[in-house]
Structures are given as C-alpha cells and as structure tokens.
Protein backbone atom coordinates (compact mmCIF):
# COMPACT_ATOMS: atom_id res chain seq x y z
CA UNK A 1 -26.02 92.59 -55.62
CA UNK A 2 -26.80 96.60 -55.03
CA UNK A 3 -29.78 96.13 -56.99
CA UNK A 4 -31.46 92.70 -55.47
CA UNK A 5 -30.50 94.54 -51.71
CA UNK A 6 -32.82 97.88 -53.01
CA UNK A 7 -35.70 95.63 -54.38
CA UNK A 8 -35.45 93.24 -50.85
CA UNK A 9 -35.79 96.27 -49.06
CA UNK A 10 -38.21 98.02 -50.88
CA UNK A 11 -40.53 94.90 -50.75
CA UNK A 12 -39.66 94.61 -47.12
CA UNK A 13 -41.29 98.33 -47.38
CA UNK A 14 -43.82 97.62 -48.99
CA UNK A 15 -45.29 94.37 -46.66
CA UNK A 16 -44.37 96.02 -43.48
CA UNK A 17 -47.11 98.52 -44.12
CA UNK A 18 -49.80 96.35 -45.03
CA UNK A 19 -49.11 93.81 -42.22
CA UNK A 20 -48.78 97.47 -40.03
CA UNK A 21 -52.52 96.55 -39.33
CA UNK A 22 -53.68 92.72 -39.23
CA UNK A 23 -55.83 92.19 -42.25
CA UNK A 24 -59.66 90.96 -41.39
CA UNK A 25 -59.02 87.65 -43.25
CA UNK A 26 -56.12 86.33 -41.33
CA UNK A 27 -55.82 85.20 -37.97
CA UNK A 28 -53.22 86.49 -35.90
CA UNK A 29 -51.14 83.59 -35.39
CA UNK A 30 -50.74 84.07 -39.27
CA UNK A 31 -50.51 87.39 -39.71
CA UNK A 32 -47.13 87.11 -37.16
CA UNK A 33 -46.04 84.36 -39.38
CA UNK A 34 -45.97 86.90 -42.01
CA UNK A 35 -44.11 89.46 -40.25
CA UNK A 36 -41.57 86.49 -41.15
CA UNK A 37 -41.00 87.38 -44.68
CA UNK A 38 -40.07 91.73 -44.54
CA UNK A 39 -38.62 90.15 -41.52
CA UNK A 40 -36.24 87.73 -43.92
CA UNK A 41 -35.98 89.68 -46.75
CA UNK A 42 -34.02 92.59 -44.26
CA UNK A 43 -31.97 89.96 -42.92
CA UNK A 44 -31.25 88.79 -46.15
CA UNK A 45 -30.39 92.45 -47.43
CA UNK A 46 -27.94 92.81 -44.49
CA UNK A 47 -26.22 89.49 -45.97
CA UNK A 48 -25.26 90.49 -49.23
CA UNK A 49 -24.47 93.67 -48.08
CA UNK A 50 -21.65 91.92 -46.09
CA UNK A 51 -20.42 91.21 -49.58
CA UNK A 52 -21.38 93.52 -52.07
CA UNK A 53 -19.39 97.31 -51.50
CA UNK A 54 -22.70 99.07 -54.07
CA UNK A 55 -25.30 97.09 -51.15
CA UNK A 56 -22.85 98.49 -48.24
CA UNK A 57 -23.59 102.29 -50.19
CA UNK A 58 -26.65 101.79 -50.56
CA UNK A 59 -27.68 100.36 -46.25
CA UNK A 60 -25.74 103.75 -45.35
CA UNK A 61 -27.48 106.14 -47.43
CA UNK A 62 -31.16 104.50 -46.52
CA UNK A 63 -29.98 105.00 -42.85
CA UNK A 64 -29.09 109.19 -43.73
CA UNK A 65 -32.05 110.86 -43.20
CA UNK A 66 -32.62 111.75 -46.80
CA UNK A 67 -32.75 107.82 -47.51
CA UNK A 68 -35.17 106.92 -44.33
CA UNK A 69 -37.89 110.00 -45.46
CA UNK A 70 -37.85 108.40 -48.47
CA UNK A 71 -38.79 105.17 -46.95
CA UNK A 72 -40.70 106.82 -44.84
CA UNK A 73 -42.87 108.58 -48.08
CA UNK A 74 -43.21 105.12 -49.74
CA UNK A 75 -44.56 103.57 -46.87
CA UNK A 76 -47.13 106.54 -46.71
CA UNK A 77 -47.91 105.97 -50.36
CA UNK A 78 -48.70 102.57 -50.16
CA UNK A 79 -50.50 102.43 -47.15
CA UNK A 80 -52.90 105.38 -48.80
CA UNK A 81 -53.36 103.08 -51.65
CA UNK A 82 -54.42 99.98 -49.36
CA UNK A 83 -56.53 101.88 -47.35
CA UNK A 84 -58.11 103.45 -50.82
CA UNK A 85 -57.58 106.76 -49.73
CA UNK A 86 -57.33 108.01 -53.07
CA UNK A 87 -57.04 111.95 -52.38
CA UNK A 88 -54.10 110.92 -50.34
CA UNK A 89 -52.56 108.14 -52.93
CA UNK A 90 -51.98 110.81 -55.29
CA UNK A 91 -50.82 113.62 -52.53
CA UNK A 92 -48.14 111.08 -51.57
CA UNK A 93 -47.30 109.48 -54.81
CA UNK A 94 -47.28 114.01 -56.05
CA UNK A 95 -44.26 114.32 -53.22
CA UNK A 96 -42.59 110.64 -53.58
CA UNK A 97 -42.41 111.68 -57.11
CA UNK A 98 -40.36 114.83 -56.69
CA UNK A 99 -38.74 114.30 -53.88
CA UNK A 100 -37.20 111.10 -55.63
CA UNK A 101 -36.24 113.53 -58.59
CA UNK A 102 -34.87 116.19 -56.06
CA UNK A 103 -32.67 114.06 -54.79
CA UNK A 104 -31.47 111.88 -56.90
CA UNK A 105 -28.00 112.89 -58.20
CA UNK A 106 -28.42 111.77 -61.49
CA UNK A 107 -31.26 113.96 -61.88
CA UNK A 108 -28.76 117.07 -60.28
CA UNK A 109 -25.89 116.03 -62.51
CA UNK A 110 -28.18 116.41 -65.54
CA UNK A 111 -29.88 119.26 -64.24
CA UNK A 112 -25.81 121.30 -63.77
CA UNK A 113 -25.10 119.59 -67.32
CA UNK A 114 -27.62 121.56 -69.08
CA UNK A 115 -26.36 124.74 -67.62
CA UNK A 116 -22.37 124.21 -68.39
CA UNK A 117 -23.56 123.00 -72.07
CA UNK A 118 -24.06 126.55 -72.30
CA UNK A 119 -20.02 127.47 -72.10
CA UNK A 120 -17.16 126.25 -73.71
CA UNK A 121 -15.05 123.30 -72.28
CA UNK A 122 -11.72 124.79 -72.72
CA UNK A 123 -8.65 124.50 -71.41
CA UNK A 124 -8.26 127.91 -69.43
CA UNK A 125 -4.39 128.14 -69.43
CA UNK A 126 -3.84 127.98 -73.71
CA UNK A 127 -6.65 130.71 -73.37
CA UNK A 128 -4.03 134.16 -75.18
CA UNK A 129 -2.67 136.42 -71.91
CA UNK A 130 -5.27 138.80 -70.14
CA UNK A 131 -5.12 142.61 -69.02
CA UNK A 132 -7.47 141.04 -66.07
CA UNK A 133 -9.03 138.44 -64.72
CA UNK A 134 -12.17 139.10 -62.56
CA UNK A 135 -13.43 135.93 -59.77
CA UNK A 136 -16.53 135.98 -58.69
CA UNK A 137 -17.19 135.22 -54.99
CA UNK A 138 -17.88 131.53 -53.46
CA UNK A 139 -14.46 129.89 -53.11
CA UNK A 140 -14.37 129.95 -49.76
CA UNK A 141 -15.69 129.05 -46.07
CA UNK A 142 -14.70 129.21 -42.79
CA UNK A 143 -13.66 127.23 -39.86
CA UNK A 144 -15.18 127.31 -36.24
CA UNK A 145 -12.67 130.05 -35.70
CA UNK A 146 -13.48 132.13 -38.71
CA UNK A 147 -10.14 131.22 -40.64
CA UNK A 148 -11.25 130.40 -44.19
CA UNK A 149 -10.45 127.77 -46.34
CA UNK A 150 -11.52 126.50 -49.69
CA UNK A 151 -15.13 125.78 -50.43
CA UNK A 152 -17.25 123.09 -52.19
CA UNK A 153 -16.15 125.93 -55.06
CA UNK A 154 -12.50 126.38 -54.12
CA UNK A 155 -11.60 125.52 -58.11
CA UNK A 156 -12.70 128.86 -58.64
CA UNK A 157 -9.13 130.14 -56.75
CA UNK A 158 -7.49 127.32 -58.24
CA UNK A 159 -7.75 127.93 -61.68
CA UNK A 160 -7.65 131.57 -60.82
CA UNK A 161 -4.52 130.78 -59.02
CA UNK A 162 -2.98 128.39 -61.98
CA UNK A 163 -3.92 131.50 -64.90
CA UNK A 164 -1.59 133.78 -62.73
CA UNK A 165 1.32 131.32 -62.19
CA UNK A 166 1.34 130.74 -65.70
CA UNK A 167 1.56 133.89 -66.75
CA UNK A 168 -2.02 134.57 -68.15
CA UNK A 169 -2.69 137.10 -66.26
CA UNK A 170 -0.82 139.77 -63.94
CA UNK A 171 -3.88 140.81 -61.94
CA UNK A 172 -7.17 139.16 -60.48
CA UNK A 173 -9.51 140.99 -59.39
CA UNK A 174 -11.76 139.74 -56.39
CA UNK A 175 -15.22 140.20 -55.94
CA UNK A 176 -17.95 139.35 -53.21
CA UNK A 177 -18.55 139.35 -48.93
CA UNK A 178 -15.52 137.21 -48.75
CA UNK A 179 -13.00 138.97 -51.06
CA UNK A 180 -10.22 139.53 -48.22
CA UNK A 181 -10.22 136.44 -47.25
CA UNK A 182 -9.94 134.66 -51.38
CA UNK A 183 -6.58 137.18 -51.37
CA UNK A 184 -5.36 135.54 -48.27
CA UNK A 185 -6.09 132.20 -49.86
CA UNK A 186 -4.64 133.21 -53.12
CA UNK A 187 -1.47 134.53 -50.88
CA UNK A 188 -1.34 130.44 -49.54
CA UNK A 189 -1.57 129.43 -53.39
CA UNK A 190 1.73 131.44 -54.27
CA UNK A 191 -0.37 134.77 -55.47
CA UNK A 192 1.38 137.89 -54.07
CA UNK A 193 -0.90 140.35 -52.50
CA UNK A 194 -0.22 143.29 -55.33
CA UNK A 195 -1.18 141.38 -58.09
CA UNK A 196 -4.82 141.04 -56.84
CA UNK A 197 -7.42 143.70 -56.31
CA UNK A 198 -10.28 142.89 -53.91
CA UNK A 199 -14.27 144.19 -54.50
CA UNK A 200 -16.08 143.56 -51.46
CA UNK A 201 -18.76 146.10 -51.58
CA UNK A 202 -21.25 143.76 -53.94
CA UNK A 203 -23.09 141.56 -52.23
CA UNK A 204 -24.54 139.33 -55.21
CA UNK A 205 -23.78 138.32 -58.46
CA UNK A 206 -25.62 141.60 -59.97
CA UNK A 207 -23.98 143.88 -58.10
CA UNK A 208 -20.27 142.10 -58.85
CA UNK A 209 -21.30 142.43 -63.00
CA UNK A 210 -21.98 146.14 -62.07
CA UNK A 211 -19.06 147.03 -60.00
CA UNK A 212 -17.11 144.81 -63.09
CA UNK A 213 -17.78 147.39 -65.54
CA UNK A 214 -17.16 150.12 -64.07
CA UNK A 215 -13.71 148.84 -63.02
CA UNK A 216 -13.29 147.81 -66.93
CA UNK A 217 -14.38 151.63 -67.84
CA UNK A 218 -11.89 153.22 -65.64
CA UNK A 219 -9.68 151.19 -66.56
CA UNK A 220 -9.95 150.35 -70.27
CA UNK A 221 -9.50 147.18 -70.52
CA UNK A 222 -10.30 145.77 -74.08
CA UNK A 223 -9.33 141.58 -73.02
CA UNK A 224 -9.98 140.33 -69.61
CA UNK A 225 -11.41 137.12 -68.40
CA UNK A 226 -14.50 135.73 -66.27
CA UNK A 227 -14.14 132.68 -63.47
CA UNK A 228 -16.62 131.02 -62.21
CA UNK A 229 -18.57 127.57 -61.92
CA UNK A 230 -19.26 126.18 -64.75
CA UNK A 231 -22.38 125.65 -64.12
CA UNK A 232 -22.61 130.02 -62.42
CA UNK A 233 -21.39 131.50 -66.03
CA UNK A 234 -24.66 131.06 -68.14
CA UNK A 235 -26.20 133.48 -65.72
CA UNK A 236 -23.28 135.78 -64.73
CA UNK A 237 -22.59 136.58 -68.86
CA UNK A 238 -25.98 137.54 -69.08
CA UNK A 239 -25.71 139.76 -66.32
CA UNK A 240 -22.68 140.98 -68.66
CA UNK A 241 -24.71 141.73 -71.48
CA UNK A 242 -27.36 143.16 -69.80
CA UNK A 243 -24.77 145.24 -69.74
CA UNK A 244 -22.86 146.18 -71.83
CA UNK A 245 -19.83 144.16 -70.90
CA UNK A 246 -17.56 141.53 -72.14
CA UNK A 247 -15.81 139.12 -70.91
CA UNK A 248 -13.91 135.72 -71.65
CA UNK A 249 -15.94 132.92 -69.96
CA UNK A 250 -13.22 130.73 -67.94
CA UNK A 251 -14.92 127.60 -66.00
CA UNK A 252 -14.10 126.56 -63.27
CA UNK A 253 -15.84 123.63 -60.50
CA UNK A 254 -17.78 121.35 -63.47
CA UNK A 255 -20.27 119.20 -61.14
CA UNK A 256 -22.14 117.94 -63.88
CA UNK A 257 -19.98 114.67 -64.78
CA UNK A 258 -22.70 111.63 -64.94
CA UNK A 259 -22.63 109.34 -61.89
CA UNK A 260 -22.74 105.40 -62.02
CA UNK A 261 -25.94 104.34 -61.95
CA UNK A 262 -25.98 102.04 -59.20
CA UNK A 263 -28.50 101.09 -57.08
CA UNK A 264 -27.40 103.13 -54.07
CA UNK A 265 -27.48 105.64 -57.00
CA UNK A 266 -31.27 105.63 -57.05
CA UNK A 267 -31.91 106.57 -53.17
CA UNK A 268 -32.21 111.01 -52.53
CA UNK A 269 -29.59 111.93 -51.14
CA UNK A 270 -27.86 115.29 -49.50
CA UNK A 271 -25.56 115.63 -53.24
CA UNK A 272 -28.25 115.35 -55.68
CA UNK A 273 -30.57 117.52 -53.57
CA UNK A 274 -27.67 119.75 -52.94
CA UNK A 275 -27.21 119.71 -57.30
CA UNK A 276 -30.44 120.26 -57.96
CA UNK A 277 -30.84 123.36 -55.67
CA UNK A 278 -27.35 125.29 -57.49
CA UNK A 279 -29.17 124.35 -61.08
CA UNK A 280 -32.56 125.71 -60.16
CA UNK A 281 -31.07 128.43 -58.46
CA UNK A 282 -29.47 129.52 -61.93
CA UNK A 283 -33.01 128.25 -63.28
CA UNK A 284 -34.39 130.81 -61.53
CA UNK A 285 -32.00 133.73 -61.49
CA UNK A 286 -32.27 133.51 -65.69
CA UNK A 287 -35.60 133.64 -65.99
CA UNK A 288 -36.21 136.46 -63.48
CA UNK A 289 -33.19 138.44 -64.98
CA UNK A 290 -31.01 137.93 -61.95
C-alpha cells in the first residue's frame, strides 16, 4: 500500500503543477474539472494511509520539512520541463537528485557501512585485557539545564563501561571538551572515578590522538584499546598511524545496518541527512589528512 500511496501523491503533484495555469487548449470549466484528478488521488492516498502503517509513515515523512521541500523540488522540476525551460530543468534535476540522495536513509546507511567495513566486527568483551582503553569524546549531550546525558553516540560510553565492569581494563582515558561530563556519566554506569583519566584540552580527534601518544609514551603502555563509533574509527586509526601510535580498535555505535526498503524510505528525511553528513565528514577528513 505504501508504494501505491507514494505513486498517487507524486502523480497528484505532477498533475497539480501542470494545472497551476490554465493550458491554452482547455476551457476554464474543463480546467476546473481536471483539478478533481489530483484531489481524488490525494483523497485515495489518504484513505490508504488510514489502513496501512507504511502509508501512514509515508504521509508523516512528506509532511515534515524535508518531505515538503522534496515535493516542492519535484514540482519545480516538472514546471520547468512543461515550460521548456531547459537550463532550469537541468538545474532542478541536479538539485532534486542531490537532495534525494543526500537525505535517503538507504544511501546514508550504505555510506556509513563503507566506513564501518574497514574495522573488525568483533565482540569487544572477548578481547584480551588492556592496560588502558582510550575513549574518543562525543558520547554525551546536555539537557536545557546543562546536565549531561547519553547522546546519539552514547554507545561509546556504554562499551567503555562494559569493558571496565567485565574486567577487560582497569583504566579508561576520556578526552574532549566534555570529558569530565563523560566521567560523571560513567560513574552513573558503575565505573568509579579512580578508574578514569580526564583529558579536557583536545578540541578535535587529531589533538586527542596526539594527547594519547604522549600518555602512552609516559606510562609505557604496550597494549591499549581505542573506543569510538565504528564509522569514525577508520579516520582515528589513520591519525594514530601518522603519530606512530598503535591502539586496538574497539568499535561501538554501529549505524550502517540496512534499513527496510519501503515507500517511506524513498522520501528524504533527517536521519538520512545525518548519516550522509557523518560519512561525508569522515571521508573529507581522511582526504585532508585530518
């Protein structure tokens, strides 16, 4: 039902764009009657949406800002084609294609999966014990009252806490702007404060890796691990290699799983843009050596 609903809505969008001005070969009466076609298509799509969960999700996605902009881009492209504005048509098609791909959850997941494929898919709790485990920042966000809580990448802290609580390490090294907040969050997860080292000075991944290198050299650690999001680890490990630092990758926060292929997944959405943004940022960083 979801695919039929999508077809009806897109057909209604194209028809409404064509009828936006009275074609010269139609009388006003016939033009008004033809408006019943897109209206009927929307009504039929709405009735299907009442009976099918994917159709309901599709309607909801189309009513979101990303979905409304997508429909507007489709209408603009059709308008340019109908009025033989060839240059505008190509521009509209290029913008529509870029927007559709950038916001598509399937495309975003595939892009992140291409990064995650570069790190081993392992059970981190089965790894040999580590002298220390480094945890890249990014695991917490802040509420309106400035109190920290686990963020979208909070699985980094969950994995770190699990490693400590399962006896795989006795020391966790936290870095980044909010390292102190991450230490407090780990305490709430059962990790004592004495088991953490907080390095708040580094402002980005490159600076964090340099700080790790200094600490490893100072402490003489031979076997240490690095926890971060699976899609972020390839860039982090490249930076480690540039500084002559070897850390065992301990991936968390996997996001490259394949979403269900449904009609609602075709519509650009915030989650798709977020995944594409993360993947683009990581590839850009690797290409720039940062």
